[in-house]
């Protein structure tokens, strides 16, 4: 099994550890402010790779938005359902995303970059098919094309990134305009963040 294919099992086996160590101090908030700026209370938002629902989904729910979350880890989705039972939670692989409805905002924070480059390319039509006209899309990537293998709970943790120019092309080809892109944002834990809007 490749390191990329091992990601679902890793987050299933170590769900409790992930929830425990996941930073919840809200440093993502300025980016979330931008993501939801065009939205009204009650707007539907899709959180792809939602983890345990904290802090991203929790922040969005706190703003009065209606969250649908998808994660490959059943134990993490179980935590979401316990914490936020009024919202919609799905166990599933983002590579198979096909919910049959659209959203006013889509976020894939620190999740999308666990896919292989090929799988990342295939996600952009899925983003587009789930985005209403004018919807915002936010995801994190690496700063440059390449693969990096870290470690979590003693197991390899796969990350990959495309070249920034390729992300721009894929977004444009699927009807998105880049609103903001910051490489290794020092105010956001060094995350490389993309914010786009469907035209």
Protein backbone atom coordinates (compact mmCIF):
# COMPACT_ATOMS: atom_id res chain seq x y z
CA UNK A 1 0.00 0.00 0.00
CA UNK A 2 1.29 3.46 -0.88
CA UNK A 3 1.65 6.18 1.74
CA UNK A 4 -1.23 8.06 0.08
CA UNK A 5 -3.51 5.02 0.16
CA UNK A 6 -2.72 4.58 3.85
CA UNK A 7 -4.21 7.96 4.82
CA UNK A 8 -7.78 6.73 5.48
CA UNK A 9 -6.60 3.97 7.81
CA UNK A 10 -4.24 6.31 9.62
CA UNK A 11 -6.98 8.81 10.50
CA UNK A 12 -9.33 5.99 11.45
CA UNK A 13 -6.84 4.30 13.79
CA UNK A 14 -5.64 7.54 15.35
CA UNK A 15 -8.82 9.62 15.39
CA UNK A 16 -8.68 10.33 19.11
CA UNK A 17 -5.03 11.36 18.95
CA UNK A 18 -5.73 13.63 15.99
CA UNK A 19 -8.61 15.30 17.78
CA UNK A 20 -6.48 15.78 20.86
CA UNK A 21 -3.52 17.42 19.10
CA UNK A 22 -5.42 19.38 16.42
CA UNK A 23 -4.82 23.07 17.09
CA UNK A 24 -8.02 24.84 18.11
CA UNK A 25 -6.78 28.35 18.87
CA UNK A 26 -8.57 29.89 15.90
CA UNK A 27 -5.64 31.10 13.82
CA UNK A 28 -7.62 30.15 10.72
CA UNK A 29 -10.32 32.70 11.52
CA UNK A 30 -9.08 35.54 9.25
CA UNK A 31 -9.21 33.18 6.28
CA UNK A 32 -12.63 31.90 7.29
CA UNK A 33 -13.77 35.53 7.50
CA UNK A 34 -12.89 35.86 3.80
CA UNK A 35 -14.48 32.52 2.88
CA UNK A 36 -17.86 33.43 4.34
CA UNK A 37 -17.87 37.19 3.67
CA UNK A 38 -20.43 36.88 0.83
CA UNK A 39 -22.70 34.50 2.79
CA UNK A 40 -25.87 35.12 4.78
CA UNK A 41 -26.85 33.22 7.95
CA UNK A 42 -28.20 29.78 7.09
CA UNK A 43 -26.09 29.45 3.96
CA UNK A 44 -24.95 25.88 3.15
CA UNK A 45 -21.23 25.18 3.50
CA UNK A 46 -19.34 22.00 2.60
CA UNK A 47 -16.34 21.03 4.76
CA UNK A 48 -14.29 18.40 2.91
CA UNK A 49 -12.02 16.47 5.24
CA UNK A 50 -13.81 17.93 8.24
CA UNK A 51 -12.00 15.80 10.83
CA UNK A 52 -13.64 16.00 14.24
CA UNK A 53 -15.49 19.20 13.41
CA UNK A 54 -13.16 21.42 15.40
CA UNK A 55 -12.06 24.06 14.78
CA UNK A 56 -13.22 24.72 11.18
CA UNK A 57 -16.80 23.42 11.19
CA UNK A 58 -17.30 24.67 14.75
CA UNK A 59 -16.32 28.17 13.65
CA UNK A 60 -18.67 28.06 10.66
CA UNK A 61 -21.55 26.73 12.76
CA UNK A 62 -20.92 29.50 15.27
CA UNK A 63 -21.52 32.01 12.46
CA UNK A 64 -24.98 30.60 11.82
CA UNK A 65 -24.07 28.62 8.72
CA UNK A 66 -25.39 25.14 7.90
CA UNK A 67 -22.50 22.72 7.56
CA UNK A 68 -22.25 19.48 5.64
CA UNK A 69 -19.06 17.63 6.54
CA UNK A 70 -17.28 14.76 4.82
CA UNK A 71 -14.40 12.75 6.20
CA UNK A 72 -12.94 9.35 5.44
CA UNK A 73 -12.62 8.49 9.15
CA UNK A 74 -15.76 7.06 10.74
CA UNK A 75 -14.53 7.77 14.32
CA UNK A 76 -13.95 11.43 13.42
CA UNK A 77 -17.40 11.73 11.88
CA UNK A 78 -18.83 10.15 15.01
CA UNK A 79 -17.29 13.01 17.01
CA UNK A 80 -18.85 15.53 14.62
CA UNK A 81 -22.27 13.96 15.08
CA UNK A 82 -21.89 14.03 18.86
CA UNK A 83 -20.74 17.65 18.93
CA UNK A 84 -23.00 19.12 16.24
CA UNK A 85 -26.02 16.83 15.81
CA UNK A 86 -28.07 19.44 13.96
CA UNK A 87 -25.68 19.38 11.00
CA UNK A 88 -25.06 16.85 8.22
CA UNK A 89 -22.08 14.50 8.48
CA UNK A 90 -20.92 11.88 5.97
CA UNK A 91 -18.26 9.16 6.06
CA UNK A 92 -16.67 9.07 2.64
CA UNK A 93 -13.63 9.60 0.46
CA UNK A 94 -13.42 13.05 -1.10
CA UNK A 95 -12.18 11.43 -4.31
CA UNK A 96 -15.70 10.01 -4.69
CA UNK A 97 -17.48 13.22 -3.71
CA UNK A 98 -20.95 13.23 -5.29
CA UNK A 99 -23.54 14.70 -2.93
CA UNK A 100 -25.92 15.77 -5.67
CA UNK A 101 -26.31 19.34 -4.37
CA UNK A 102 -24.48 22.62 -4.31
CA UNK A 103 -23.10 24.90 -1.62
CA UNK A 104 -22.34 28.57 -1.19
CA UNK A 105 -18.89 27.85 0.24
CA UNK A 106 -16.53 24.88 0.15
CA UNK A 107 -13.49 24.41 2.39
CA UNK A 108 -10.83 21.69 2.29
CA UNK A 109 -8.46 22.77 5.04
CA UNK A 110 -5.40 20.56 5.60
CA UNK A 111 -7.14 17.62 3.92
CA UNK A 112 -6.96 18.01 0.14
CA UNK A 113 -3.14 17.97 0.29
CA UNK A 114 -3.18 14.33 1.44
CA UNK A 115 -4.22 13.31 -2.10
CA UNK A 116 -1.77 12.35 -4.82
CA UNK A 117 -1.18 14.94 -7.55
CA UNK A 118 -3.37 12.94 -9.93
CA UNK A 119 -6.20 12.76 -7.41
CA UNK A 120 -5.89 16.47 -6.69
CA UNK A 121 -6.30 17.30 -10.37
CA UNK A 122 -9.45 15.19 -10.48
CA UNK A 123 -10.96 17.08 -7.54
CA UNK A 124 -11.44 20.38 -9.34
CA UNK A 125 -14.44 19.25 -11.40
CA UNK A 126 -15.90 17.89 -8.15
CA UNK A 127 -15.39 21.24 -6.44
CA UNK A 128 -17.11 22.93 -9.39
CA UNK A 129 -20.07 20.53 -9.44
CA UNK A 130 -20.75 21.22 -5.75
CA UNK A 131 -20.37 25.01 -5.98
CA UNK A 132 -23.19 27.43 -6.66
CA UNK A 133 -22.53 30.40 -8.90
CA UNK A 134 -20.59 32.89 -6.78
CA UNK A 135 -19.59 30.25 -4.22
CA UNK A 136 -16.25 30.59 -2.49
CA UNK A 137 -13.69 27.78 -2.35
CA UNK A 138 -10.79 27.57 0.07
CA UNK A 139 -8.12 24.90 0.31
CA UNK A 140 -4.57 24.49 1.56
CA UNK A 141 -1.69 23.12 -0.48
CA UNK A 142 2.07 22.93 -0.35
CA UNK A 143 4.15 25.96 -1.37
CA UNK A 144 5.49 24.26 -4.51
CA UNK A 145 5.15 21.06 -6.51
CA UNK A 146 6.38 17.99 -4.68
CA UNK A 147 5.70 15.26 -2.16
CA UNK A 148 6.49 15.39 1.55
CA UNK A 149 6.10 12.51 3.97
CA UNK A 150 5.83 13.45 7.60
CA UNK A 151 4.88 11.33 10.58
CA UNK A 152 1.86 10.99 12.85
CA UNK A 153 1.64 8.53 15.71
CA UNK A 154 4.72 6.76 14.36
CA UNK A 155 3.25 6.24 10.88
CA UNK A 156 4.11 7.95 7.58
CA UNK A 157 1.84 10.92 6.78
CA UNK A 158 1.66 11.73 3.07
CA UNK A 159 1.31 15.21 1.58
CA UNK A 160 1.56 16.36 -2.02
CA UNK A 161 1.27 19.60 -3.92
CA UNK A 162 1.02 20.78 -7.48
CA UNK A 163 2.81 23.82 -8.84
CA UNK A 164 0.97 27.07 -8.05
CA UNK A 165 0.58 27.82 -11.76
CA UNK A 166 -1.13 24.46 -12.23
CA UNK A 167 -3.56 25.18 -9.39
CA UNK A 168 -4.39 28.50 -11.05
CA UNK A 169 -4.99 26.74 -14.37
CA UNK A 170 -7.18 24.06 -12.81
CA UNK A 171 -9.23 26.65 -10.98
CA UNK A 172 -9.71 28.69 -14.15
CA UNK A 173 -10.61 25.63 -16.22
CA UNK A 174 -13.34 24.79 -13.70
CA UNK A 175 -14.82 28.25 -13.48
CA UNK A 176 -13.05 29.71 -10.45
CA UNK A 177 -11.26 33.04 -10.10
CA UNK A 178 -8.45 33.25 -7.54
CA UNK A 179 -9.21 35.91 -4.94
CA UNK A 180 -6.23 35.40 -2.65
CA UNK A 181 -3.23 33.08 -2.40
CA UNK A 182 -0.64 33.28 0.37
CA UNK A 183 2.37 30.99 0.50
CA UNK A 184 3.27 29.81 4.00
CA UNK A 185 1.19 32.49 5.70
CA UNK A 186 3.07 33.39 8.90
CA UNK A 187 -0.17 34.54 10.52
CA UNK A 188 -1.78 31.15 9.88
CA UNK A 189 0.70 28.60 11.14
CA UNK A 190 2.68 28.64 7.88
CA UNK A 191 -0.25 27.31 5.83
CA UNK A 192 -0.30 27.91 2.09
CA UNK A 193 -3.87 28.97 1.42
CA UNK A 194 -5.98 29.46 -1.71
CA UNK A 195 -9.26 31.37 -1.83
CA UNK A 196 -11.24 31.35 -5.07
CA UNK A 197 -14.75 32.15 -6.22
CA UNK A 198 -16.88 30.45 -8.85
CA UNK A 199 -17.65 32.89 -11.63
